[in-house]
Amino acid sequence: MKVDNYSLGPAPAEARPQSGLDYADIIFEEQVEGSITRYAAVFQCRNAPALVGPIRSARWTDVQMLSQLGHPLIVHVGGIIPVLQTIAASSLVNVDLGGHPSLEENPPGRYAPYDTYTTTKAIWSAIAAPAVAPAPIFTYSSVAPAGERANQVHLDWSGTSDIYWRWNPGTGTWLRFYNVGSPSAPNIQPDILTDGAQNQAQNVIIQDVSITYGPWVENSQGGLEAESHIIDSSGKAYVLRNGEMIAGTWSAGAAGTPTVFLTTSGHPIDLAPGRTWVEIYPSTAPMVATPAASVSAG
């Protein structure tokens, strides 16, 4: 499900706080026009959040990220014609809520375009799921690969997506924060959902990707489509788990094959059992990891 993440200030504002992300198994965070980010929340274990949203439009990168899942139902609200054509030509199953108004919910207090929500239950009841489950895209182990201790990783996409992941040994998870201040005067807030839960994950994968822009225009301001290249590509990767950062590489083959994450010595990077957040991060953007003793877990 494509979920918006645009906000000019602390929640509640625009898309935040979102709903249902704490029920997802995997969350991909991608860059769209204007260096804003958007989520693709993946639900497979049939958890049933009351609502998921706000649901927004599809992007070209969605096919690059989600083809490894085989034939997933991609739930969104519209998109520009070239993007919809790209989805139609892919293995993804297009579920455009614009064509399924009975699957939409519009909770009170939300305003367009941040007021379109749905549920996993409604989608699975109305849309035939593929008969074959996708192949596993990660490997897991209770034993973490060797890495460097880290307490915080800062990913600075833009003023609306200035992200901090902080390790919390009490919960055994990486907690997500975002900065609503300026670089010189940061105002770092916990990323809280509508049910009061903070976005968090046992694993955070930072997948450095090459991003190109255009040729398609995505909005009335002339913002060009951001295209994150994953299929038949490779790059650097950093995996956060158990309070450590494991440096390595990623590589992806043809559409339909899982992305492979390896240590610098060429061994698979096993994840901790639990939720995984995949940051499809620009390879040219700054990333700052803070040693364990330097930052409060928050």
Protein backbone atom coordinates (compact mmCIF):
# COMPACT_ATOMS: atom_id res chain seq x y z
CA MET A 1 0.00 0.00 0.00
CA LYS A 2 1.42 3.38 -1.07
CA VAL A 3 1.34 5.68 1.97
CA ASP A 4 2.15 9.39 1.97
CA ASN A 5 4.87 10.94 4.14
CA TYR A 6 4.67 14.64 3.26
CA SER A 7 4.55 17.12 6.13
CA LEU A 8 5.81 20.67 6.54
CA GLY A 9 5.82 20.56 10.34
CA PRO A 10 5.28 18.37 13.37
CA ALA A 11 2.26 16.06 13.33
CA PRO A 12 -0.60 16.52 12.91
CA ALA A 13 0.11 18.13 9.54
CA GLU A 14 -0.59 17.01 5.98
CA ALA A 15 0.06 13.23 5.80
CA ARG A 16 1.27 12.71 9.38
CA PRO A 17 0.40 10.89 11.53
CA GLN A 18 -0.13 7.87 9.32
CA SER A 19 -2.11 4.75 10.14
CA GLY A 20 -1.34 1.05 9.93
CA LEU A 21 2.42 1.10 9.36
CA ASP A 22 3.07 -0.72 12.65
CA TYR A 23 1.22 -3.73 11.22
CA ALA A 24 3.32 -4.00 8.06
CA ASP A 25 5.95 -6.71 7.63
CA ILE A 26 8.23 -4.59 5.42
CA ILE A 27 8.22 -0.88 4.67
CA PHE A 28 10.06 0.51 1.68
CA GLU A 29 10.81 4.23 1.76
CA GLU A 30 11.41 5.77 -1.65
CA GLN A 31 12.24 9.23 -2.93
CA VAL A 32 9.71 11.02 -5.12
CA GLU A 33 9.76 14.45 -6.76
CA GLY A 34 11.10 17.32 -4.66
CA SER A 35 13.11 14.88 -2.49
CA ILE A 36 9.93 14.04 -0.56
CA THR A 37 9.64 10.41 0.50
CA ARG A 38 6.76 8.00 0.25
CA TYR A 39 6.19 4.52 1.68
CA ALA A 40 5.26 1.14 0.24
CA ALA A 41 3.93 -0.82 3.23
CA VAL A 42 3.97 -4.57 2.59
CA PHE A 43 1.41 -6.76 4.38
CA GLN A 44 1.70 -10.53 4.04
CA CYS A 45 1.10 -12.05 7.48
CA ARG A 46 -2.56 -10.96 7.36
CA ASN A 47 -2.41 -8.60 10.28
CA ALA A 48 -5.48 -6.41 10.21
CA PRO A 49 -4.94 -2.74 11.10
CA ALA A 50 -8.14 -0.75 11.44
CA LEU A 51 -6.97 1.61 8.69
CA VAL A 52 -3.96 2.10 6.43
CA GLY A 53 -3.16 5.49 4.97
CA PRO A 54 -3.25 8.10 3.74
CA ILE A 55 -3.02 6.22 0.44
CA ARG A 56 -1.47 8.17 -2.45
CA SER A 57 -0.44 7.68 -6.07
CA ALA A 58 2.00 5.22 -7.58
CA ARG A 59 5.50 5.95 -8.86
CA TRP A 60 7.93 4.43 -11.40
CA THR A 61 10.20 3.23 -8.58
CA ASP A 62 7.42 1.00 -7.20
CA VAL A 63 8.03 -1.54 -9.94
CA GLN A 64 11.77 -1.47 -9.21
CA MET A 65 11.21 -2.08 -5.48
CA LEU A 66 8.29 -4.47 -5.48
CA SER A 67 8.84 -6.78 -8.47
CA GLN A 68 10.98 -8.98 -6.22
CA LEU A 69 7.74 -9.87 -4.38
CA GLY A 70 6.40 -11.71 -7.42
CA HIS A 71 2.83 -10.55 -8.03
CA PRO A 72 1.95 -8.27 -5.13
CA LEU A 73 -1.27 -6.26 -5.02
CA ILE A 74 -0.13 -2.63 -5.27
CA VAL A 75 -2.76 -0.43 -3.64
CA HIS A 76 -2.63 3.25 -4.60
CA VAL A 77 -4.74 6.18 -5.80
CA GLY A 78 -3.96 6.98 -9.40
CA GLY A 79 -0.72 8.12 -10.97
CA ILE A 80 0.50 9.72 -14.16
CA ILE A 81 -0.21 7.74 -17.34
CA PRO A 82 3.40 6.57 -18.01
CA VAL A 83 3.64 5.20 -14.46
CA LEU A 84 0.33 3.36 -14.76
CA GLN A 85 1.49 1.90 -18.07
CA THR A 86 4.73 0.74 -16.44
CA ILE A 87 2.77 -0.99 -13.67
CA ALA A 88 0.43 -2.61 -16.21
CA ALA A 89 3.43 -4.06 -18.03
CA SER A 90 4.96 -5.42 -14.82
CA SER A 91 4.21 -8.38 -12.55
CA LEU A 92 2.46 -6.13 -10.02
CA VAL A 93 -1.33 -6.43 -9.65
CA ASN A 94 -2.76 -2.93 -10.02
CA VAL A 95 -5.32 -1.98 -7.33
CA ASP A 96 -6.18 1.67 -7.96
CA LEU A 97 -8.64 2.85 -5.32
CA GLY A 98 -9.89 5.40 -7.83
CA GLY A 99 -11.54 2.47 -9.59
CA HIS A 100 -12.69 0.80 -6.37
CA PRO A 101 -14.49 3.50 -4.35
CA SER A 102 -16.16 0.88 -2.15
CA LEU A 103 -12.72 0.00 -0.74
CA GLU A 104 -12.02 3.59 0.36
CA GLU A 105 -12.59 5.05 3.79
CA ASN A 106 -12.42 8.75 4.64
CA PRO A 107 -11.88 9.21 8.38
CA PRO A 108 -13.08 12.44 9.99
CA GLY A 109 -10.51 15.17 10.52
CA ARG A 110 -8.61 14.33 7.34
CA TYR A 111 -8.70 16.48 4.24
CA ALA A 112 -7.88 15.86 0.59
CA PRO A 113 -5.50 14.68 -0.66
CA TYR A 114 -4.64 13.13 2.73
CA ASP A 115 -8.02 11.54 3.47
CA THR A 116 -8.04 8.31 1.44
CA TYR A 117 -7.61 5.17 3.58
CA THR A 118 -8.38 1.49 3.24
CA THR A 119 -7.89 -1.79 5.11
CA THR A 120 -6.02 -4.99 4.37
CA LYS A 121 -9.21 -6.92 5.10
CA ALA A 122 -11.16 -5.00 2.46
CA ILE A 123 -8.44 -5.45 -0.16
CA TRP A 124 -7.97 -9.16 0.42
CA SER A 125 -11.75 -9.70 0.39
CA ALA A 126 -12.29 -7.85 -2.88
CA ILE A 127 -9.18 -8.60 -4.95
CA ALA A 128 -8.06 -12.12 -5.83
CA ALA A 129 -4.58 -12.69 -4.47
CA PRO A 130 -2.01 -14.57 -6.58
CA ALA A 131 -2.12 -18.31 -6.03
CA VAL A 132 1.63 -18.60 -5.44
CA ALA A 133 3.34 -16.89 -2.51
CA PRO A 134 6.46 -14.86 -3.25
CA ALA A 135 9.89 -16.33 -2.62
CA PRO A 136 11.61 -15.14 0.58
CA ILE A 137 13.55 -11.94 -0.02
CA PHE A 138 15.57 -11.96 3.23
CA THR A 139 17.45 -14.52 5.32
CA TYR A 140 17.20 -14.46 9.11
CA SER A 141 19.32 -15.51 12.06
CA SER A 142 19.31 -14.79 15.78
CA VAL A 143 23.08 -14.34 15.49
CA ALA A 144 24.07 -10.96 14.05
CA PRO A 145 26.95 -10.67 11.55
CA ALA A 146 29.94 -8.71 12.80
CA GLY A 147 29.42 -4.97 12.54
CA GLU A 148 30.24 -1.63 14.12
CA ARG A 149 28.31 -0.53 17.19
CA ALA A 150 26.01 2.39 16.42
CA ASN A 151 23.34 4.25 18.32
CA GLN A 152 22.04 6.54 15.61
CA VAL A 153 22.02 6.85 11.83
CA HIS A 154 20.98 10.13 10.23
CA LEU A 155 19.53 10.13 6.69
CA ASP A 156 19.02 13.63 5.35
CA TRP A 157 16.81 13.45 2.26
CA SER A 158 15.37 16.94 2.50
CA GLY A 159 13.65 19.43 4.80
CA THR A 160 10.50 17.31 4.81
CA SER A 161 12.35 13.98 5.13
CA ASP A 162 15.22 14.46 7.56
CA ILE A 163 15.30 11.07 9.28
CA TYR A 164 16.99 9.65 12.37
CA TRP A 165 17.08 5.98 13.36
CA ARG A 166 18.06 5.41 17.01
CA TRP A 167 18.74 2.07 18.63
CA ASN A 168 16.69 1.31 21.74
CA PRO A 169 18.00 -1.73 23.66
CA GLY A 170 14.87 -1.76 25.83
CA THR A 171 12.59 -2.53 22.88
CA GLY A 172 15.25 -4.25 20.78
CA THR A 173 14.29 -2.04 17.87
CA TRP A 174 15.47 0.97 15.89
CA LEU A 175 13.12 3.88 16.61
CA ARG A 176 12.34 6.38 13.88
CA PHE A 177 12.51 10.15 14.42
CA TYR A 178 12.36 13.11 12.05
CA ASN A 179 13.60 16.69 12.18
CA VAL A 180 11.01 19.44 11.73
CA GLY A 181 13.52 22.21 12.46
CA SER A 182 16.44 23.46 10.43
CA PRO A 183 19.92 21.94 10.12
CA SER A 184 21.29 24.63 12.44
CA ALA A 185 18.39 24.37 14.92
CA PRO A 186 17.05 20.81 14.75
CA ASN A 187 13.72 19.90 16.33
CA ILE A 188 13.78 16.10 16.38
CA GLN A 189 10.42 14.45 17.00
CA PRO A 190 9.47 10.79 17.45
CA ASP A 191 7.65 9.45 14.40
CA ILE A 192 4.31 8.58 16.02
CA LEU A 193 1.36 6.93 14.28
CA THR A 194 -2.34 7.58 14.90
CA ASP A 195 -2.57 4.70 17.38
CA GLY A 196 0.27 6.16 19.48
CA ALA A 197 2.90 3.65 18.35
CA GLN A 198 6.27 4.94 17.20
CA ASN A 199 7.56 3.72 13.84
CA GLN A 200 10.26 1.15 14.61
CA ALA A 201 11.90 -1.93 13.17
CA GLN A 202 14.20 -4.76 14.17
CA ASN A 203 16.10 -4.17 10.92
CA VAL A 204 16.79 -1.08 8.88
CA ILE A 205 18.42 -1.58 5.47
CA ILE A 206 19.99 1.47 3.84
CA GLN A 207 20.22 0.59 0.16
CA ASP A 208 22.25 3.16 -1.75
CA VAL A 209 20.75 3.54 -5.22
CA SER A 210 21.35 5.62 -8.33
CA ILE A 211 18.48 8.07 -8.90
CA THR A 212 17.75 9.84 -12.17
CA TYR A 213 15.06 12.45 -12.83
CA GLY A 214 12.53 12.64 -15.63
CA PRO A 215 11.60 12.60 -18.38
CA TRP A 216 8.09 12.62 -16.91
CA VAL A 217 6.63 15.55 -14.99
CA GLU A 218 4.83 14.46 -11.82
CA ASN A 219 3.07 17.61 -10.63
CA SER A 220 1.88 21.09 -11.58
CA GLN A 221 5.07 22.62 -10.15
CA GLY A 222 7.14 20.81 -12.78
CA GLY A 223 8.61 18.20 -10.42
CA LEU A 224 10.31 15.46 -12.43
CA GLU A 225 9.75 11.77 -11.73
CA ALA A 226 12.47 10.37 -9.45
CA GLU A 227 13.59 6.98 -10.79
CA SER A 228 15.49 4.75 -8.35
CA HIS A 229 17.32 2.08 -10.33
CA ILE A 230 17.25 -1.33 -8.62
CA ILE A 231 16.52 -4.05 -11.21
CA ASP A 232 19.78 -5.28 -12.79
CA SER A 233 21.74 -2.90 -10.55
CA SER A 234 23.99 -2.97 -7.47
CA GLY A 235 25.54 -0.68 -4.87
CA LYS A 236 26.54 -0.19 -1.28
CA ALA A 237 24.31 -1.30 1.59
CA TYR A 238 24.25 -0.84 5.36
CA VAL A 239 22.16 -3.08 7.60
CA LEU A 240 21.16 -1.93 11.09
CA ARG A 241 20.27 -4.67 13.57
CA ASN A 242 20.92 -5.36 17.25
CA GLY A 243 22.55 -1.96 17.79
CA GLU A 244 25.13 -2.52 15.08
CA MET A 245 25.69 -1.37 11.50
CA ILE A 246 26.93 -3.99 9.04
CA ALA A 247 28.47 -2.54 5.89
CA GLY A 248 28.16 -4.46 2.65
CA THR A 249 26.72 -4.48 -0.83
CA TRP A 250 23.44 -5.17 -2.57
CA SER A 251 22.76 -6.58 -6.00
CA ALA A 252 19.56 -7.23 -7.90
CA GLY A 253 19.04 -9.24 -11.04
CA ALA A 254 16.02 -9.41 -13.31
CA ALA A 255 12.55 -8.45 -12.12
CA GLY A 256 11.12 -11.17 -9.90
CA THR A 257 14.41 -12.07 -8.22
CA PRO A 258 15.19 -11.03 -4.64
CA THR A 259 17.78 -8.37 -3.89
CA VAL A 260 20.87 -9.95 -2.31
CA PHE A 261 22.66 -8.26 0.60
CA LEU A 262 26.23 -9.37 1.30
CA THR A 263 28.94 -8.38 3.76
CA THR A 264 32.15 -6.87 2.41
CA SER A 265 33.62 -10.40 2.61
CA GLY A 266 30.81 -11.79 0.43
CA HIS A 267 28.63 -13.54 3.04
CA PRO A 268 24.83 -13.08 3.23
CA ILE A 269 23.70 -10.50 5.78
CA ASP A 270 21.11 -12.25 7.92
CA LEU A 271 18.41 -10.10 9.47
CA ALA A 272 16.91 -10.29 12.95
CA PRO A 273 13.42 -11.83 13.01
CA GLY A 274 10.87 -9.02 12.94
CA ARG A 275 9.90 -5.96 10.93
CA THR A 276 12.26 -4.62 8.28
CA TRP A 277 12.42 -1.06 6.96
CA VAL A 278 14.22 -0.62 3.62
CA GLU A 279 15.50 2.86 2.86
CA ILE A 280 15.89 3.24 -0.92
CA TYR A 281 18.42 5.98 -0.36
CA PRO A 282 20.15 8.24 -2.92
CA SER A 283 23.77 7.17 -3.27
CA THR A 284 24.80 10.85 -3.34
CA ALA A 285 22.93 11.86 -0.17
CA PRO A 286 24.64 12.19 3.24
CA MET A 287 24.49 9.42 5.82
CA VAL A 288 26.00 9.90 9.28
CA ALA A 289 26.36 7.02 11.75
CA THR A 290 26.95 7.92 15.40
CA PRO A 291 28.94 5.61 17.71
CA ALA A 292 27.01 3.89 20.47
CA ALA A 293 28.34 6.01 23.33
CA SER A 294 27.52 9.36 21.72
CA VAL A 295 23.70 9.52 21.52
CA SER A 296 20.83 8.75 23.87
CA ALA A 297 18.61 5.94 22.61
CA GLY A 298 15.58 8.26 22.82
